C-alpha atoms as a PDB file:
ATOM      1  CA  UNK A   1       0.031   0.135   0.165  1.00  0.00           C
ATOM      2  CA  UNK A   2       1.490   3.432  -1.282  1.00  0.00           C
ATOM      3  CA  UNK A   3       1.869   5.661   1.810  1.00  0.00           C
ATOM      4  CA  UNK A   4       1.506   9.497   1.609  1.00  0.00           C
ATOM      5  CA  UNK A   5       1.935  11.898   4.611  1.00  0.00           C
ATOM      6  CA  UNK A   6      -0.336  14.966   4.554  1.00  0.00           C
ATOM      7  CA  UNK A   7       1.009  18.396   6.078  1.00  0.00           C
ATOM      8  CA  UNK A   8      -2.099  20.822   6.489  1.00  0.00           C
ATOM      9  CA  UNK A   9      -2.939  22.798   9.761  1.00  0.00           C
ATOM     10  CA  UNK A  10      -6.712  23.401   8.698  1.00  0.00           C
ATOM     11  CA  UNK A  11      -8.106  20.163  10.258  1.00  0.00           C
ATOM     12  CA  UNK A  12     -11.187  20.302   7.912  1.00  0.00           C
ATOM     13  CA  UNK A  13      -9.390  20.104   4.881  1.00  0.00           C
ATOM     14  CA  UNK A  14      -6.797  17.509   5.931  1.00  0.00           C
ATOM     15  CA  UNK A  15      -9.580  15.224   7.497  1.00  0.00           C
ATOM     16  CA  UNK A  16     -11.497  15.376   3.569  1.00  0.00           C
ATOM     17  CA  UNK A  17      -8.106  14.568   1.829  1.00  0.00           C
ATOM     18  CA  UNK A  18      -7.045  11.603   4.530  1.00  0.00           C
ATOM     19  CA  UNK A  19     -11.003  10.273   4.056  1.00  0.00           C
ATOM     20  CA  UNK A  20     -10.614  10.539   0.141  1.00  0.00           C
ATOM     21  CA  UNK A  21      -7.460   9.020  -0.222  1.00  0.00           C
ATOM     22  CA  UNK A  22      -8.013   6.503   2.287  1.00  0.00           C
ATOM     23  CA  UNK A  23     -11.147   5.019   0.521  1.00  0.00           C
ATOM     24  CA  UNK A  24      -9.389   4.739  -2.577  1.00  0.00           C
ATOM     25  CA  UNK A  25      -6.276   3.257  -0.931  1.00  0.00           C
ATOM     26  CA  UNK A  26      -3.736   4.746  -0.034  1.00  0.00           C
ATOM     27  CA  UNK A  27      -2.343   4.800   3.824  1.00  0.00           C
ATOM     28  CA  UNK A  28      -2.227   7.866   5.262  1.00  0.00           C
ATOM     29  CA  UNK A  29      -0.496   9.701   7.617  1.00  0.00           C
ATOM     30  CA  UNK A  30      -1.312  13.066   8.785  1.00  0.00           C
ATOM     31  CA  UNK A  31       0.707  16.370  10.387  1.00  0.00           C
ATOM     32  CA  UNK A  32      -0.634  19.590  11.480  1.00  0.00           C
ATOM     33  CA  UNK A  33       2.393  22.031  10.420  1.00  0.00           C
ATOM     34  CA  UNK A  34       5.782  21.564   8.749  1.00  0.00           C
ATOM     35  CA  UNK A  35       7.633  20.440  12.042  1.00  0.00           C
ATOM     36  CA  UNK A  36       4.891  17.657  12.828  1.00  0.00           C
ATOM     37  CA  UNK A  37       5.242  16.540   9.173  1.00  0.00           C
ATOM     38  CA  UNK A  38       9.146  16.594   8.783  1.00  0.00           C
ATOM     39  CA  UNK A  39       9.616  13.976  11.647  1.00  0.00           C
ATOM     40  CA  UNK A  40       6.242  11.777  10.312  1.00  0.00           C
ATOM     41  CA  UNK A  41       8.440  11.665   6.636  1.00  0.00           C
ATOM     42  CA  UNK A  42      11.149  10.410   8.669  1.00  0.00           C
ATOM     43  CA  UNK A  43       9.232   8.087  10.564  1.00  0.00           C
ATOM     44  CA  UNK A  44       7.105   6.354   8.201  1.00  0.00           C
ATOM     45  CA  UNK A  45       8.652   7.153   4.916  1.00  0.00           C
ATOM     46  CA  UNK A  46       5.846   7.989   2.992  1.00  0.00           C
ATOM     47  CA  UNK A  47       6.406   7.270  -1.170  1.00  0.00           C
ATOM     48  CA  UNK A  48       4.458  10.997  -1.311  1.00  0.00           C
ATOM     49  CA  UNK A  49       4.137  14.818   0.355  1.00  0.00           C
ATOM     50  CA  UNK A  50       1.231  16.990   0.420  1.00  0.00           C
ATOM     51  CA  UNK A  51       2.113  19.916   2.251  1.00  0.00           C
ATOM     52  CA  UNK A  52       0.311  23.357   2.667  1.00  0.00           C
ATOM     53  CA  UNK A  53       2.331  26.359   2.430  1.00  0.00           C
ATOM     54  CA  UNK A  54       1.077  28.880   5.193  1.00  0.00           C
ATOM     55  CA  UNK A  55       1.277  26.897   8.665  1.00  0.00           C
ATOM     56  CA  UNK A  56       2.370  27.710  11.894  1.00  0.00           C
ATOM     57  CA  UNK A  57       6.016  26.866  13.309  1.00  0.00           C
ATOM     58  CA  UNK A  58       7.578  25.445  10.107  1.00  0.00           C
ATOM     59  CA  UNK A  59       5.714  26.924   6.804  1.00  0.00           C
ATOM     60  CA  UNK A  60       5.600  24.634   3.678  1.00  0.00           C
ATOM     61  CA  UNK A  61       8.410  26.629   2.203  1.00  0.00           C
ATOM     62  CA  UNK A  62      10.663  25.997   5.248  1.00  0.00           C
ATOM     63  CA  UNK A  63       9.602  21.938   5.305  1.00  0.00           C
ATOM     64  CA  UNK A  64      10.616  21.957   1.456  1.00  0.00           C
ATOM     65  CA  UNK A  65      14.385  23.202   2.391  1.00  0.00           C
ATOM     66  CA  UNK A  66      14.284  20.887   5.425  1.00  0.00           C
ATOM     67  CA  UNK A  67      12.969  17.666   3.582  1.00  0.00           C
ATOM     68  CA  UNK A  68      15.158  18.565   0.644  1.00  0.00           C
ATOM     69  CA  UNK A  69      18.288  18.381   3.051  1.00  0.00           C
ATOM     70  CA  UNK A  70      17.397  15.549   4.301  1.00  0.00           C
ATOM     71  CA  UNK A  71      18.578  11.693   3.559  1.00  0.00           C
ATOM     72  CA  UNK A  72      14.516  11.296   2.186  1.00  0.00           C
ATOM     73  CA  UNK A  73      15.068  14.286  -0.126  1.00  0.00           C
ATOM     74  CA  UNK A  74      14.016  11.687  -3.075  1.00  0.00           C
ATOM     75  CA  UNK A  75      10.540  12.020  -2.160  1.00  0.00           C
ATOM     76  CA  UNK A  76       8.087  13.994  -3.929  1.00  0.00           C
ATOM     77  CA  UNK A  77       6.766  16.465  -2.591  1.00  0.00           C
ATOM     78  CA  UNK A  78       3.350  18.642  -3.478  1.00  0.00           C
ATOM     79  CA  UNK A  79       2.392  21.743  -2.224  1.00  0.00           C
ATOM     80  CA  UNK A  80      -1.079  23.029  -1.449  1.00  0.00           C
ATOM     81  CA  UNK A  81      -2.073  26.831  -0.825  1.00  0.00           C
ATOM     82  CA  UNK A  82      -4.081  29.537  -0.908  1.00  0.00           C
ATOM     83  CA  UNK A  83      -1.249  31.615  -2.343  1.00  0.00           C
ATOM     84  CA  UNK A  84      -2.265  32.463  -6.193  1.00  0.00           C
ATOM     85  CA  UNK A  85       0.657  34.937  -7.346  1.00  0.00           C
ATOM     86  CA  UNK A  86       2.551  33.741  -9.986  1.00  0.00           C
ATOM     87  CA  UNK A  87       5.789  34.254  -7.782  1.00  0.00           C
ATOM     88  CA  UNK A  88       4.363  31.981  -4.842  1.00  0.00           C
ATOM     89  CA  UNK A  89       4.408  29.013  -7.606  1.00  0.00           C
ATOM     90  CA  UNK A  90       7.739  30.019  -8.977  1.00  0.00           C
ATOM     91  CA  UNK A  91       9.454  29.905  -5.435  1.00  0.00           C
ATOM     92  CA  UNK A  92       7.689  26.599  -4.577  1.00  0.00           C
ATOM     93  CA  UNK A  93       8.665  24.911  -7.588  1.00  0.00           C
ATOM     94  CA  UNK A  94      12.106  26.922  -7.657  1.00  0.00           C
ATOM     95  CA  UNK A  95      12.900  24.637  -4.012  1.00  0.00           C
ATOM     96  CA  UNK A  96      12.174  22.037  -5.309  1.00  0.00           C
ATOM     97  CA  UNK A  97       7.900  21.024  -5.147  1.00  0.00           C
ATOM     98  CA  UNK A  98       7.009  18.449  -7.869  1.00  0.00           C
ATOM     99  CA  UNK A  99       3.315  20.259  -8.312  1.00  0.00           C
ATOM    100  CA  UNK A 100       1.928  23.701  -6.695  1.00  0.00           C
ATOM    101  CA  UNK A 101      -1.693  23.036  -6.238  1.00  0.00           C
ATOM    102  CA  UNK A 102      -3.839  25.961  -5.976  1.00  0.00           C
ATOM    103  CA  UNK A 103      -6.717  26.301  -3.486  1.00  0.00           C
ATOM    104  CA  UNK A 104      -9.762  25.527  -3.659  1.00  0.00           C
ATOM    105  CA  UNK A 105      -9.169  22.744  -6.334  1.00  0.00           C
ATOM    106  CA  UNK A 106     -10.792  19.284  -6.498  1.00  0.00           C
ATOM    107  CA  UNK A 107     -10.096  15.733  -5.749  1.00  0.00           C
ATOM    108  CA  UNK A 108      -9.898  14.917  -9.101  1.00  0.00           C
ATOM    109  CA  UNK A 109      -7.390  17.380  -9.371  1.00  0.00           C
ATOM    110  CA  UNK A 110      -5.328  16.352  -6.463  1.00  0.00           C
ATOM    111  CA  UNK A 111      -5.917  12.687  -7.085  1.00  0.00           C
ATOM    112  CA  UNK A 112      -4.129  12.933 -10.800  1.00  0.00           C
ATOM    113  CA  UNK A 113      -1.025  15.113  -9.199  1.00  0.00           C
ATOM    114  CA  UNK A 114      -0.545  12.334  -6.421  1.00  0.00           C
ATOM    115  CA  UNK A 115      -0.978   9.385  -9.161  1.00  0.00           C
ATOM    116  CA  UNK A 116       1.334  11.352 -11.677  1.00  0.00           C
ATOM    117  CA  UNK A 117       3.878  11.403  -8.803  1.00  0.00           C
ATOM    118  CA  UNK A 118       3.786   8.258  -6.964  1.00  0.00           C
END
């Protein structure tokens, strides 16, 4: 079973993503901020990481920098964000994100991106 770590401080959104991906057969590990997410990635070694950009303690960009400096840097990261400026996407992809998905998004859009990178 493929594993995904979902890092997002928005509880309702995180729970919805968890429920939908669990339903179609993925093992999901949840994290509420970038620091927790980094620890969950180290512990569970997922196949993919879905990470929000704007979070407390360690934001998505900070998580991405920390992740890409770790021994698990080959695990792809998909960023989710309410930031819609083109510059924000350039920053995210420049830091190494495989995809940059703007909120609101559809589950089908997220599923397509996950299947592309997992």
